[in-house]
Amino acid sequence: MCIFCKIINNEIPSNIVLENDDFLAFHDINPKAPIHILAIPKKHVESFNDVSPQTMEKMTSFIQDIAKEMNIQDSGYRVITNIGENGGQEVMHLHFHILGGAKLAWTHLSDSNPKDFL
């Protein structure tokens, strides 16, 4: 069982922000911004490659509700999902990072030189 499934099953504590029948949102334990929330489906889905359009439709509203709950809907926020090893996915359970609370830089790719891939 993956770590996020254990959080869903209350086997591991989390700082919950929002929850409904289908999704759970909680504070990331290693935040990259003043506000860093993870949103996950309660049903195990390995990655974005495996998610149904119906689940994504519901997830969209859930993420918008998180932004309202955290009061970042007007100031702005970033939504990120990593897919697979090369995309940086560390936990093989679909999750979205919702980051906000400050003007966010776009520096996390600065260590990648595009010429290295040509």
PDB file of N, CA and C in Angstrom:
ATOM      1  N   MET A   1       0.853  -1.178   0.000  1.00  0.00           N
ATOM      2  CA  MET A   1       0.000   0.000   0.000  1.00  0.00           C
ATOM      3  C   MET A   1       0.897   1.238   0.000  1.00  0.00           C
ATOM      4  N   CYS A   2       0.597   2.214  -0.851  1.00  0.00           N
ATOM      5  CA  CYS A   2       1.425   3.406  -0.951  1.00  0.00           C
ATOM      6  C   CYS A   2       1.170   4.355   0.227  1.00  0.00           C
ATOM      7  N   ILE A   3       2.066   5.304   0.408  1.00  0.00           N
ATOM      8  CA  ILE A   3       1.976   6.233   1.538  1.00  0.00           C
ATOM      9  C   ILE A   3       0.687   7.058   1.493  1.00  0.00           C
ATOM     10  N   PHE A   4       0.237   7.450   0.313  1.00  0.00           N
ATOM     11  CA  PHE A   4      -0.989   8.248   0.231  1.00  0.00           C
ATOM     12  C   PHE A   4      -2.218   7.410   0.574  1.00  0.00           C
ATOM     13  N   CYS A   5      -2.212   6.142   0.200  1.00  0.00           N
ATOM     14  CA  CYS A   5      -3.322   5.265   0.597  1.00  0.00           C
ATOM     15  C   CYS A   5      -3.344   5.104   2.113  1.00  0.00           C
ATOM     16  N   LYS A   6      -2.172   5.055   2.737  1.00  0.00           N
ATOM     17  CA  LYS A   6      -2.100   4.974   4.197  1.00  0.00           C
ATOM     18  C   LYS A   6      -2.629   6.250   4.843  1.00  0.00           C
ATOM     19  N   ILE A   7      -2.370   7.393   4.230  1.00  0.00           N
ATOM     20  CA  ILE A   7      -2.923   8.661   4.739  1.00  0.00           C
ATOM     21  C   ILE A   7      -4.443   8.639   4.613  1.00  0.00           C
ATOM     22  N   ILE A   8      -4.949   8.195   3.484  1.00  0.00           N
ATOM     23  CA  ILE A   8      -6.398   8.108   3.260  1.00  0.00           C
ATOM     24  C   ILE A   8      -7.042   7.208   4.310  1.00  0.00           C
ATOM     25  N   ASN A   9      -6.367   6.104   4.658  1.00  0.00           N
ATOM     26  CA  ASN A   9      -6.892   5.142   5.633  1.00  0.00           C
ATOM     27  C   ASN A   9      -6.592   5.522   7.086  1.00  0.00           C
ATOM     28  N   ASN A  10      -6.078   6.725   7.307  1.00  0.00           N
ATOM     29  CA  ASN A  10      -5.736   7.229   8.643  1.00  0.00           C
ATOM     30  C   ASN A  10      -4.677   6.390   9.348  1.00  0.00           C
ATOM     31  N   GLU A  11      -3.837   5.714   8.587  1.00  0.00           N
ATOM     32  CA  GLU A  11      -2.728   4.962   9.167  1.00  0.00           C
ATOM     33  C   GLU A  11      -1.517   5.864   9.403  1.00  0.00           C
ATOM     34  N   ILE A  12      -1.475   6.979   8.666  1.00  0.00           N
ATOM     35  CA  ILE A  12      -0.433   7.989   8.809  1.00  0.00           C
ATOM     36  C   ILE A  12      -1.146   9.326   8.985  1.00  0.00           C
ATOM     37  N   PRO A  13      -0.764  10.113   9.997  1.00  0.00           N
ATOM     38  CA  PRO A  13      -1.438  11.400  10.202  1.00  0.00           C
ATOM     39  C   PRO A  13      -1.090  12.402   9.101  1.00  0.00           C
ATOM     40  N   SER A  14      -2.010  13.326   8.878  1.00  0.00           N
ATOM     41  CA  SER A  14      -1.772  14.411   7.926  1.00  0.00           C
ATOM     42  C   SER A  14      -2.516  15.649   8.416  1.00  0.00           C
ATOM     43  N   ASN A  15      -2.096  16.781   7.915  1.00  0.00           N
ATOM     44  CA  ASN A  15      -2.728  18.059   8.235  1.00  0.00           C
ATOM     45  C   ASN A  15      -3.739  18.363   7.130  1.00  0.00           C
ATOM     46  N   ILE A  16      -4.957  17.897   7.308  1.00  0.00           N
ATOM     47  CA  ILE A  16      -5.983  17.965   6.273  1.00  0.00           C
ATOM     48  C   ILE A  16      -6.506  19.385   6.098  1.00  0.00           C
ATOM     49  N   VAL A  17      -6.635  19.776   4.846  1.00  0.00           N
ATOM     50  CA  VAL A  17      -7.177  21.081   4.470  1.00  0.00           C
ATOM     51  C   VAL A  17      -8.626  20.939   4.031  1.00  0.00           C
ATOM     52  N   LEU A  18      -8.900  19.912   3.242  1.00  0.00           N
ATOM     53  CA  LEU A  18     -10.229  19.720   2.671  1.00  0.00           C
ATOM     54  C   LEU A  18     -10.399  18.239   2.342  1.00  0.00           C
ATOM     55  N   GLU A  19     -11.637  17.769   2.465  1.00  0.00           N
ATOM     56  CA  GLU A  19     -11.915  16.364   2.181  1.00  0.00           C
ATOM     57  C   GLU A  19     -13.358  16.224   1.742  1.00  0.00           C
ATOM     58  N   ASN A  20     -13.581  15.331   0.799  1.00  0.00           N
ATOM     59  CA  ASN A  20     -14.941  14.932   0.441  1.00  0.00           C
ATOM     60  C   ASN A  20     -14.929  13.430   0.190  1.00  0.00           C
ATOM     61  N   ASP A  21     -15.992  12.890  -0.377  1.00  0.00           N
ATOM     62  CA  ASP A  21     -16.080  11.444  -0.587  1.00  0.00           C
ATOM     63  C   ASP A  21     -15.023  10.908  -1.549  1.00  0.00           C
ATOM     64  N   ASP A  22     -14.563  11.764  -2.482  1.00  0.00           N
ATOM     65  CA  ASP A  22     -13.671  11.304  -3.542  1.00  0.00           C
ATOM     66  C   ASP A  22     -12.214  11.732  -3.394  1.00  0.00           C
ATOM     67  N   PHE A  23     -11.968  12.832  -2.666  1.00  0.00           N
ATOM     68  CA  PHE A  23     -10.633  13.425  -2.654  1.00  0.00           C
ATOM     69  C   PHE A  23     -10.222  13.862  -1.253  1.00  0.00           C
ATOM     70  N   LEU A  24      -8.908  14.012  -1.101  1.00  0.00           N
ATOM     71  CA  LEU A  24      -8.333  14.478   0.155  1.00  0.00           C
ATOM     72  C   LEU A  24      -7.250  15.496  -0.181  1.00  0.00           C
ATOM     73  N   ALA A  25      -7.193  16.579   0.595  1.00  0.00           N
ATOM     74  CA  ALA A  25      -6.145  17.586   0.428  1.00  0.00           C
ATOM     75  C   ALA A  25      -5.491  17.826   1.777  1.00  0.00           C
ATOM     76  N   PHE A  26      -4.165  17.882   1.769  1.00  0.00           N
ATOM     77  CA  PHE A  26      -3.426  18.071   3.014  1.00  0.00           C
ATOM     78  C   PHE A  26      -2.133  18.831   2.730  1.00  0.00           C
ATOM     79  N   HIS A  27      -1.556  19.410   3.774  1.00  0.00           N
ATOM     80  CA  HIS A  27      -0.311  20.161   3.650  1.00  0.00           C
ATOM     81  C   HIS A  27       0.846  19.218   3.332  1.00  0.00           C
ATOM     82  N   ASP A  28       1.691  19.620   2.387  1.00  0.00           N
ATOM     83  CA  ASP A  28       2.892  18.868   2.053  1.00  0.00           C
ATOM     84  C   ASP A  28       3.874  18.962   3.227  1.00  0.00           C
ATOM     85  N   ILE A  29       4.523  17.853   3.560  1.00  0.00           N
ATOM     86  CA  ILE A  29       5.457  17.874   4.695  1.00  0.00           C
ATOM     87  C   ILE A  29       6.795  18.519   4.329  1.00  0.00           C
ATOM     88  N   ASN A  30       7.030  18.756   3.041  1.00  0.00           N
ATOM     89  CA  ASN A  30       8.252  19.412   2.572  1.00  0.00           C
ATOM     90  C   ASN A  30       7.862  20.563   1.647  1.00  0.00           C
ATOM     91  N   PRO A  31       7.272  21.630   2.213  1.00  0.00           N
ATOM     92  CA  PRO A  31       6.705  22.694   1.364  1.00  0.00           C
ATOM     93  C   PRO A  31       7.744  23.440   0.536  1.00  0.00           C
ATOM     94  N   LYS A  32       7.337  23.783  -0.684  1.00  0.00           N
ATOM     95  CA  LYS A  32       8.168  24.554  -1.603  1.00  0.00           C
ATOM     96  C   LYS A  32       7.652  25.975  -1.777  1.00  0.00           C
ATOM     97  N   ALA A  33       6.598  26.323  -1.048  1.00  0.00           N
ATOM     98  CA  ALA A  33       5.999  27.655  -1.090  1.00  0.00           C
ATOM     99  C   ALA A  33       5.298  27.875   0.247  1.00  0.00           C
ATOM    100  N   PRO A  34       4.953  29.128   0.574  1.00  0.00           N
ATOM    101  CA  PRO A  34       4.238  29.366   1.833  1.00  0.00           C
ATOM    102  C   PRO A  34       2.979  28.506   1.978  1.00  0.00           C
ATOM    103  N   ILE A  35       2.292  28.284   0.878  1.00  0.00           N
ATOM    104  CA  ILE A  35       1.154  27.357   0.849  1.00  0.00           C
ATOM    105  C   ILE A  35       1.514  26.255  -0.137  1.00  0.00           C
ATOM    106  N   HIS A  36       1.532  25.024   0.353  1.00  0.00           N
ATOM    107  CA  HIS A  36       1.841  23.871  -0.500  1.00  0.00           C
ATOM    108  C   HIS A  36       0.944  22.720  -0.056  1.00  0.00           C
ATOM    109  N   ILE A  37      -0.096  22.499  -0.832  1.00  0.00           N
ATOM    110  CA  ILE A  37      -1.111  21.497  -0.539  1.00  0.00           C
ATOM    111  C   ILE A  37      -1.009  20.375  -1.568  1.00  0.00           C
ATOM    112  N   LEU A  38      -1.226  19.150  -1.122  1.00  0.00           N
ATOM    113  CA  LEU A  38      -1.337  18.015  -2.033  1.00  0.00           C
ATOM    114  C   LEU A  38      -2.797  17.603  -2.113  1.00  0.00           C
ATOM    115  N   ALA A  39      -3.290  17.417  -3.312  1.00  0.00           N
ATOM    116  CA  ALA A  39      -4.661  16.948  -3.545  1.00  0.00           C
ATOM    117  C   ALA A  39      -4.574  15.583  -4.210  1.00  0.00           C
ATOM    118  N   ILE A  40      -5.276  14.595  -3.616  1.00  0.00           N
ATOM    119  CA  ILE A  40      -5.200  13.221  -4.125  1.00  0.00           C
ATOM    120  C   ILE A  40      -6.598  12.619  -4.227  1.00  0.00           C
ATOM    121  N   PRO A  41      -6.789  11.728  -5.190  1.00  0.00           N
ATOM    122  CA  PRO A  41      -8.035  10.961  -5.196  1.00  0.00           C
ATOM    123  C   PRO A  41      -7.962   9.890  -4.108  1.00  0.00           C
ATOM    124  N   LYS A  42      -9.083   9.589  -3.499  1.00  0.00           N
ATOM    125  CA  LYS A  42      -9.105   8.537  -2.482  1.00  0.00           C
ATOM    126  C   LYS A  42      -8.977   7.149  -3.104  1.00  0.00           C
ATOM    127  N   LYS A  43      -9.424   7.017  -4.322  1.00  0.00           N
ATOM    128  CA  LYS A  43      -9.228   5.767  -5.049  1.00  0.00           C
ATOM    129  C   LYS A  43      -7.823   5.792  -5.635  1.00  0.00           C
ATOM    130  N   HIS A  44      -7.076   4.716  -5.432  1.00  0.00           N
ATOM    131  CA  HIS A  44      -5.698   4.684  -5.929  1.00  0.00           C
ATOM    132  C   HIS A  44      -5.672   4.744  -7.451  1.00  0.00           C
ATOM    133  N   VAL A  45      -5.011   5.765  -7.964  1.00  0.00           N
ATOM    134  CA  VAL A  45      -4.725   5.929  -9.388  1.00  0.00           C
ATOM    135  C   VAL A  45      -3.237   6.206  -9.452  1.00  0.00           C
ATOM    136  N   GLU A  46      -2.507   5.452 -10.233  1.00  0.00           N
ATOM    137  CA  GLU A  46      -1.048   5.563 -10.192  1.00  0.00           C
ATOM    138  C   GLU A  46      -0.526   6.901 -10.686  1.00  0.00           C
ATOM    139  N   SER A  47      -1.034   7.395 -11.807  1.00  0.00           N
ATOM    140  CA  SER A  47      -0.519   8.659 -12.339  1.00  0.00           C
ATOM    141  C   SER A  47      -1.562   9.315 -13.237  1.00  0.00           C
ATOM    142  N   PHE A  48      -1.220  10.483 -13.710  1.00  0.00           N
ATOM    143  CA  PHE A  48      -2.099  11.222 -14.616  1.00  0.00           C
ATOM    144  C   PHE A  48      -2.400  10.402 -15.870  1.00  0.00           C
ATOM    145  N   ASN A  49      -1.476   9.548 -16.275  1.00  0.00           N
ATOM    146  CA  ASN A  49      -1.690   8.697 -17.453  1.00  0.00           C
ATOM    147  C   ASN A  49      -2.845   7.721 -17.263  1.00  0.00           C
ATOM    148  N   ASP A  50      -3.203   7.457 -16.014  1.00  0.00           N
ATOM    149  CA  ASP A  50      -4.211   6.444 -15.712  1.00  0.00           C
ATOM    150  C   ASP A  50      -5.548   7.010 -15.254  1.00  0.00           C
ATOM    151  N   VAL A  51      -5.643   8.316 -15.104  1.00  0.00           N
ATOM    152  CA  VAL A  51      -6.853   8.917 -14.530  1.00  0.00           C
ATOM    153  C   VAL A  51      -7.939   9.072 -15.595  1.00  0.00           C
ATOM    154  N   SER A  52      -9.178   8.887 -15.175  1.00  0.00           N
ATOM    155  CA  SER A  52     -10.298   9.036 -16.102  1.00  0.00           C
ATOM    156  C   SER A  52     -10.688  10.510 -16.236  1.00  0.00           C
ATOM    157  N   PRO A  53     -11.259  10.882 -17.372  1.00  0.00           N
ATOM    158  CA  PRO A  53     -11.751  12.249 -17.525  1.00  0.00           C
ATOM    159  C   PRO A  53     -12.812  12.610 -16.473  1.00  0.00           C
ATOM    160  N   GLN A  54     -13.599  11.636 -16.056  1.00  0.00           N
ATOM    161  CA  GLN A  54     -14.636  11.890 -15.047  1.00  0.00           C
ATOM    162  C   GLN A  54     -14.006  12.261 -13.703  1.00  0.00           C
ATOM    163  N   THR A  55     -12.942  11.567 -13.330  1.00  0.00           N
ATOM    164  CA  THR A  55     -12.244  11.896 -12.087  1.00  0.00           C
ATOM    165  C   THR A  55     -11.605  13.276 -12.195  1.00  0.00           C
ATOM    166  N   MET A  56     -11.006  13.583 -13.337  1.00  0.00           N
ATOM    167  CA  MET A  56     -10.375  14.892 -13.519  1.00  0.00           C
ATOM    168  C   MET A  56     -11.411  16.019 -13.473  1.00  0.00           C
ATOM    169  N   GLU A  57     -12.606  15.758 -13.982  1.00  0.00           N
ATOM    170  CA  GLU A  57     -13.663  16.770 -13.911  1.00  0.00           C
ATOM    171  C   GLU A  57     -13.968  17.112 -12.459  1.00  0.00           C
ATOM    172  N   LYS A  58     -14.081  16.112 -11.629  1.00  0.00           N
ATOM    173  CA  LYS A  58     -14.342  16.336 -10.204  1.00  0.00           C
ATOM    174  C   LYS A  58     -13.123  16.939  -9.502  1.00  0.00           C
ATOM    175  N   MET A  59     -11.931  16.494  -9.898  1.00  0.00           N
ATOM    176  CA  MET A  59     -10.706  17.006  -9.289  1.00  0.00           C
ATOM    177  C   MET A  59     -10.545  18.498  -9.552  1.00  0.00           C
ATOM    178  N   THR A  60     -10.940  18.942 -10.730  1.00  0.00           N
ATOM    179  CA  THR A  60     -10.848  20.362 -11.061  1.00  0.00           C
ATOM    180  C   THR A  60     -11.623  21.200 -10.052  1.00  0.00           C
ATOM    181  N   SER A  61     -12.845  20.836  -9.783  1.00  0.00           N
ATOM    182  CA  SER A  61     -13.654  21.571  -8.799  1.00  0.00           C
ATOM    183  C   SER A  61     -13.037  21.489  -7.409  1.00  0.00           C
ATOM    184  N   PHE A  62     -12.501  20.334  -7.063  1.00  0.00           N
ATOM    185  CA  PHE A  62     -11.887  20.151  -5.747  1.00  0.00           C
ATOM    186  C   PHE A  62     -10.680  21.078  -5.587  1.00  0.00           C
ATOM    187  N   ILE A  63      -9.838  21.150  -6.604  1.00  0.00           N
ATOM    188  CA  ILE A  63      -8.670  22.036  -6.539  1.00  0.00           C
ATOM    189  C   ILE A  63      -9.112  23.497  -6.446  1.00  0.00           C
ATOM    190  N   GLN A  64     -10.141  23.869  -7.177  1.00  0.00           N
ATOM    191  CA  GLN A  64     -10.665  25.238  -7.065  1.00  0.00           C
ATOM    192  C   GLN A  64     -11.173  25.516  -5.652  1.00  0.00           C
ATOM    193  N   ASP A  65     -11.795  24.531  -5.025  1.00  0.00           N
ATOM    194  CA  ASP A  65     -12.259  24.681  -3.636  1.00  0.00           C
ATOM    195  C   ASP A  65     -11.081  24.828  -2.671  1.00  0.00           C
ATOM    196  N   ILE A  66      -9.989  24.122  -2.934  1.00  0.00           N
ATOM    197  CA  ILE A  66      -8.788  24.267  -2.102  1.00  0.00           C
ATOM    198  C   ILE A  66      -8.262  25.693  -2.202  1.00  0.00           C
ATOM    199  N   ALA A  67      -8.196  26.216  -3.418  1.00  0.00           N
ATOM    200  CA  ALA A  67      -7.710  27.593  -3.603  1.00  0.00           C
ATOM    201  C   ALA A  67      -8.569  28.580  -2.828  1.00  0.00           C
ATOM    202  N   LYS A  68      -9.866  28.371  -2.831  1.00  0.00           N
ATOM    203  CA  LYS A  68     -10.764  29.248  -2.051  1.00  0.00           C
ATOM    204  C   LYS A  68     -10.531  29.069  -0.558  1.00  0.00           C
ATOM    205  N   GLU A  69     -10.405  27.825  -0.112  1.00  0.00           N
ATOM    206  CA  GLU A  69     -10.185  27.526   1.301  1.00  0.00           C
ATOM    207  C   GLU A  69      -8.887  28.165   1.812  1.00  0.00           C
ATOM    208  N   MET A  70      -7.865  28.180   0.968  1.00  0.00           N
ATOM    209  CA  MET A  70      -6.564  28.735   1.347  1.00  0.00           C
ATOM    210  C   MET A  70      -6.461  30.223   1.008  1.00  0.00           C
ATOM    211  N   ASN A  71      -7.522  30.774   0.433  1.00  0.00           N
ATOM    212  CA  ASN A  71      -7.598  32.197   0.090  1.00  0.00           C
ATOM    213  C   ASN A  71      -6.505  32.623  -0.903  1.00  0.00           C
ATOM    214  N   ILE A  72      -6.279  31.788  -1.897  1.00  0.00           N
ATOM    215  CA  ILE A  72      -5.301  32.123  -2.941  1.00  0.00           C
ATOM    216  C   ILE A  72      -5.937  32.189  -4.325  1.00  0.00           C
ATOM    217  N   GLN A  73      -7.260  32.058  -4.389  1.00  0.00           N
ATOM    218  CA  GLN A  73      -7.930  32.020  -5.684  1.00  0.00           C
ATOM    219  C   GLN A  73      -7.754  33.320  -6.460  1.00  0.00           C
ATOM    220  N   ASP A  74      -7.631  34.461  -5.784  1.00  0.00           N
ATOM    221  CA  ASP A  74      -7.481  35.735  -6.483  1.00  0.00           C
ATOM    222  C   ASP A  74      -6.017  36.146  -6.649  1.00  0.00           C
ATOM    223  N   SER A  75      -5.178  35.828  -5.683  1.00  0.00           N
ATOM    224  CA  SER A  75      -3.763  36.227  -5.754  1.00  0.00           C
ATOM    225  C   SER A  75      -2.973  35.351  -6.726  1.00  0.00           C
ATOM    226  N   GLY A  76      -3.444  34.124  -6.943  1.00  0.00           N
ATOM    227  CA  GLY A  76      -2.793  33.234  -7.897  1.00  0.00           C
ATOM    228  C   GLY A  76      -2.135  32.055  -7.226  1.00  0.00           C
ATOM    229  N   TYR A  77      -2.016  30.988  -7.969  1.00  0.00           N
ATOM    230  CA  TYR A  77      -1.422  29.754  -7.475  1.00  0.00           C
ATOM    231  C   TYR A  77      -0.990  28.896  -8.651  1.00  0.00           C
ATOM    232  N   ARG A  78      -0.232  27.871  -8.351  1.00  0.00           N
ATOM    233  CA  ARG A  78       0.267  26.958  -9.374  1.00  0.00           C
ATOM    234  C   ARG A  78      -0.243  25.559  -9.053  1.00  0.00           C
ATOM    235  N   VAL A  79      -0.630  24.814 -10.086  1.00  0.00           N
ATOM    236  CA  VAL A  79      -1.047  23.418  -9.939  1.00  0.00           C
ATOM    237  C   VAL A  79      -0.083  22.577 -10.769  1.00  0.00           C
ATOM    238  N   ILE A  80       0.536  21.595 -10.102  1.00  0.00           N
ATOM    239  CA  ILE A  80       1.541  20.762 -10.773  1.00  0.00           C
ATOM    240  C   ILE A  80       1.251  19.293 -10.478  1.00  0.00           C
ATOM    241  N   THR A  81       1.394  18.462 -11.490  1.00  0.00           N
ATOM    242  CA  THR A  81       1.445  17.022 -11.263  1.00  0.00           C
ATOM    243  C   THR A  81       2.652  16.487 -12.016  1.00  0.00           C
ATOM    244  N   ASN A  82       3.354  15.578 -11.391  1.00  0.00           N
ATOM    245  CA  ASN A  82       4.525  14.946 -11.996  1.00  0.00           C
ATOM    246  C   ASN A  82       4.110  13.556 -12.454  1.00  0.00           C
ATOM    247  N   ILE A  83       4.579  13.173 -13.638  1.00  0.00           N
ATOM    248  CA  ILE A  83       4.182  11.897 -14.206  1.00  0.00           C
ATOM    249  C   ILE A  83       5.425  11.082 -14.515  1.00  0.00           C
ATOM    250  N   GLY A  84       5.553   9.947 -13.849  1.00  0.00           N
ATOM    251  CA  GLY A  84       6.653   9.023 -14.111  1.00  0.00           C
ATOM    252  C   GLY A  84       7.992   9.504 -13.575  1.00  0.00           C
ATOM    253  N   GLU A  85       8.967   8.634 -13.705  1.00  0.00           N
ATOM    254  CA  GLU A  85      10.303   8.894 -13.155  1.00  0.00           C
ATOM    255  C   GLU A  85      10.934  10.155 -13.740  1.00  0.00           C
ATOM    256  N   ASN A  86      10.926  10.292 -15.059  1.00  0.00           N
ATOM    257  CA  ASN A  86      11.541  11.466 -15.678  1.00  0.00           C
ATOM    258  C   ASN A  86      10.769  12.749 -15.393  1.00  0.00           C
ATOM    259  N   GLY A  87       9.496  12.622 -15.064  1.00  0.00           N
ATOM    260  CA  GLY A  87       8.690  13.788 -14.714  1.00  0.00           C
ATOM    261  C   GLY A  87       8.807  14.165 -13.247  1.00  0.00           C
ATOM    262  N   GLY A  88       9.535  13.362 -12.477  1.00  0.00           N
ATOM    263  CA  GLY A  88       9.762  13.679 -11.072  1.00  0.00           C
ATOM    264  C   GLY A  88       8.744  13.098 -10.114  1.00  0.00           C
ATOM    265  N   GLN A  89       7.919  12.148 -10.559  1.00  0.00           N
ATOM    266  CA  GLN A  89       6.927  11.552  -9.668  1.00  0.00           C
ATOM    267  C   GLN A  89       7.625  10.630  -8.674  1.00  0.00           C
ATOM    268  N   GLU A  90       7.497  10.951  -7.386  1.00  0.00           N
ATOM    269  CA  GLU A  90       8.143  10.159  -6.339  1.00  0.00           C
ATOM    270  C   GLU A  90       7.177   9.186  -5.669  1.00  0.00           C
ATOM    271  N   VAL A  91       5.915   9.549  -5.570  1.00  0.00           N
ATOM    272  CA  VAL A  91       4.893   8.672  -5.001  1.00  0.00           C
ATOM    273  C   VAL A  91       3.977   8.248  -6.145  1.00  0.00           C
ATOM    274  N   MET A  92       3.855   6.951  -6.344  1.00  0.00           N
ATOM    275  CA  MET A  92       3.063   6.437  -7.459  1.00  0.00           C
ATOM    276  C   MET A  92       1.577   6.372  -7.090  1.00  0.00           C
ATOM    277  N   HIS A  93       1.035   7.525  -6.790  1.00  0.00           N
ATOM    278  CA  HIS A  93      -0.387   7.743  -6.536  1.00  0.00           C
ATOM    279  C   HIS A  93      -0.637   9.150  -7.056  1.00  0.00           C
ATOM    280  N   LEU A  94      -1.567   9.284  -7.985  1.00  0.00           N
ATOM    281  CA  LEU A  94      -1.837  10.581  -8.585  1.00  0.00           C
ATOM    282  C   LEU A  94      -1.979  11.647  -7.510  1.00  0.00           C
ATOM    283  N   HIS A  95      -1.256  12.737  -7.664  1.00  0.00           N
ATOM    284  CA  HIS A  95      -1.388  13.856  -6.737  1.00  0.00           C
ATOM    285  C   HIS A  95      -1.060  15.153  -7.452  1.00  0.00           C
ATOM    286  N   PHE A  96      -1.706  16.191  -6.985  1.00  0.00           N
ATOM    287  CA  PHE A  96      -1.501  17.526  -7.521  1.00  0.00           C
ATOM    288  C   PHE A  96      -0.948  18.413  -6.421  1.00  0.00           C
ATOM    289  N   HIS A  97       0.082  19.164  -6.749  1.00  0.00           N
ATOM    290  CA  HIS A  97       0.648  20.150  -5.839  1.00  0.00           C
ATOM    291  C   HIS A  97      -0.050  21.476  -6.117  1.00  0.00           C
ATOM    292  N   ILE A  98      -0.587  22.093  -5.092  1.00  0.00           N
ATOM    293  CA  ILE A  98      -1.180  23.427  -5.201  1.00  0.00           C
ATOM    294  C   ILE A  98      -0.277  24.348  -4.391  1.00  0.00           C
ATOM    295  N   LEU A  99       0.415  25.255  -5.087  1.00  0.00           N
ATOM    296  CA  LEU A  99       1.379  26.137  -4.447  1.00  0.00           C
ATOM    297  C   LEU A  99       0.929  27.588  -4.580  1.00  0.00           C
ATOM    298  N   GLY A 100       1.080  28.346  -3.509  1.00  0.00           N
ATOM    299  CA  GLY A 100       0.718  29.761  -3.539  1.00  0.00           C
ATOM    300  C   GLY A 100       1.190  30.466  -2.288  1.00  0.00           C
ATOM    301  N   GLY A 101       0.627  31.641  -2.077  1.00  0.00           N
ATOM    302  CA  GLY A 101       0.969  32.422  -0.895  1.00  0.00           C
ATOM    303  C   GLY A 101       2.119  33.372  -1.108  1.00  0.00           C
ATOM    304  N   ALA A 102       2.686  33.408  -2.311  1.00  0.00           N
ATOM    305  CA  ALA A 102       3.786  34.311  -2.651  1.00  0.00           C
ATOM    306  C   ALA A 102       3.920  34.326  -4.173  1.00  0.00           C
ATOM    307  N   LYS A 103       4.671  35.300  -4.681  1.00  0.00           N
ATOM    308  CA  LYS A 103       4.971  35.301  -6.110  1.00  0.00           C
ATOM    309  C   LYS A 103       5.950  34.166  -6.364  1.00  0.00           C
ATOM    310  N   LEU A 104       5.546  33.223  -7.161  1.00  0.00           N
ATOM    311  CA  LEU A 104       6.324  32.004  -7.361  1.00  0.00           C
ATOM    312  C   LEU A 104       7.316  32.161  -8.508  1.00  0.00           C
ATOM    313  N   ALA A 105       8.554  31.812  -8.245  1.00  0.00           N
ATOM    314  CA  ALA A 105       9.586  31.813  -9.282  1.00  0.00           C
ATOM    315  C   ALA A 105       9.460  30.538 -10.106  1.00  0.00           C
ATOM    316  N   TRP A 106      10.082  30.512 -11.241  1.00  0.00           N
ATOM    317  CA  TRP A 106      10.086  29.332 -12.104  1.00  0.00           C
ATOM    318  C   TRP A 106      11.547  28.901 -12.270  1.00  0.00           C
ATOM    319  N   THR A 107      12.139  28.474 -11.163  1.00  0.00           N
ATOM    320  CA  THR A 107      13.567  28.162 -11.174  1.00  0.00           C
ATOM    321  C   THR A 107      13.870  26.685 -11.043  1.00  0.00           C
ATOM    322  N   HIS A 108      12.870  25.864 -10.782  1.00  0.00           N
ATOM    323  CA  HIS A 108      13.161  24.460 -10.508  1.00  0.00           C
ATOM    324  C   HIS A 108      13.743  23.717 -11.706  1.00  0.00           C
ATOM    325  N   LEU A 109      13.621  24.267 -12.898  1.00  0.00           N
ATOM    326  CA  LEU A 109      14.216  23.634 -14.078  1.00  0.00           C
ATOM    327  C   LEU A 109      15.560  24.254 -14.425  1.00  0.00           C
ATOM    328  N   SER A 110      16.031  25.183 -13.613  1.00  0.00           N
ATOM    329  CA  SER A 110      17.246  25.911 -13.948  1.00  0.00           C
ATOM    330  C   SER A 110      18.476  25.004 -14.018  1.00  0.00           C
ATOM    331  N   ASP A 111      18.416  23.820 -13.424  1.00  0.00           N
ATOM    332  CA  ASP A 111      19.557  22.921 -13.479  1.00  0.00           C
ATOM    333  C   ASP A 111      19.566  22.087 -14.759  1.00  0.00           C
ATOM    334  N   SER A 112      18.555  22.252 -15.603  1.00  0.00           N
ATOM    335  CA  SER A 112      18.479  21.510 -16.861  1.00  0.00           C
ATOM    336  C   SER A 112      18.971  22.396 -18.004  1.00  0.00           C
ATOM    337  N   ASN A 113      19.913  21.902 -18.747  1.00  0.00           N
ATOM    338  CA  ASN A 113      20.412  22.613 -19.918  1.00  0.00           C
ATOM    339  C   ASN A 113      19.807  21.939 -21.145  1.00  0.00           C
ATOM    340  N   PRO A 114      18.927  22.643 -21.881  1.00  0.00           N
ATOM    341  CA  PRO A 114      18.292  22.021 -23.057  1.00  0.00           C
ATOM    342  C   PRO A 114      19.289  21.440 -24.048  1.00  0.00           C
ATOM    343  N   LYS A 115      20.481  22.025 -24.150  1.00  0.00           N
ATOM    344  CA  LYS A 115      21.478  21.513 -25.085  1.00  0.00           C
ATOM    345  C   LYS A 115      21.947  20.111 -24.724  1.00  0.00           C
ATOM    346  N   ASP A 116      21.773  19.737 -23.439  1.00  0.00           N
ATOM    347  CA  ASP A 116      22.162  18.396 -23.025  1.00  0.00           C
ATOM    348  C   ASP A 116      21.274  17.318 -23.642  1.00  0.00           C
ATOM    349  N   PHE A 117      20.125  17.726 -24.171  1.00  0.00           N
ATOM    350  CA  PHE A 117      19.154  16.769 -24.691  1.00  0.00           C
ATOM    351  C   PHE A 117      19.133  16.741 -26.214  1.00  0.00           C
ATOM    352  N   LEU A 118      19.961  17.541 -26.857  1.00  0.00           N
ATOM    353  CA  LEU A 118      19.975  17.602 -28.323  1.00  0.00           C
ATOM    354  C   LEU A 118      20.977  16.639 -28.918  1.00  0.00           C
TER     355      LEU A 118
END
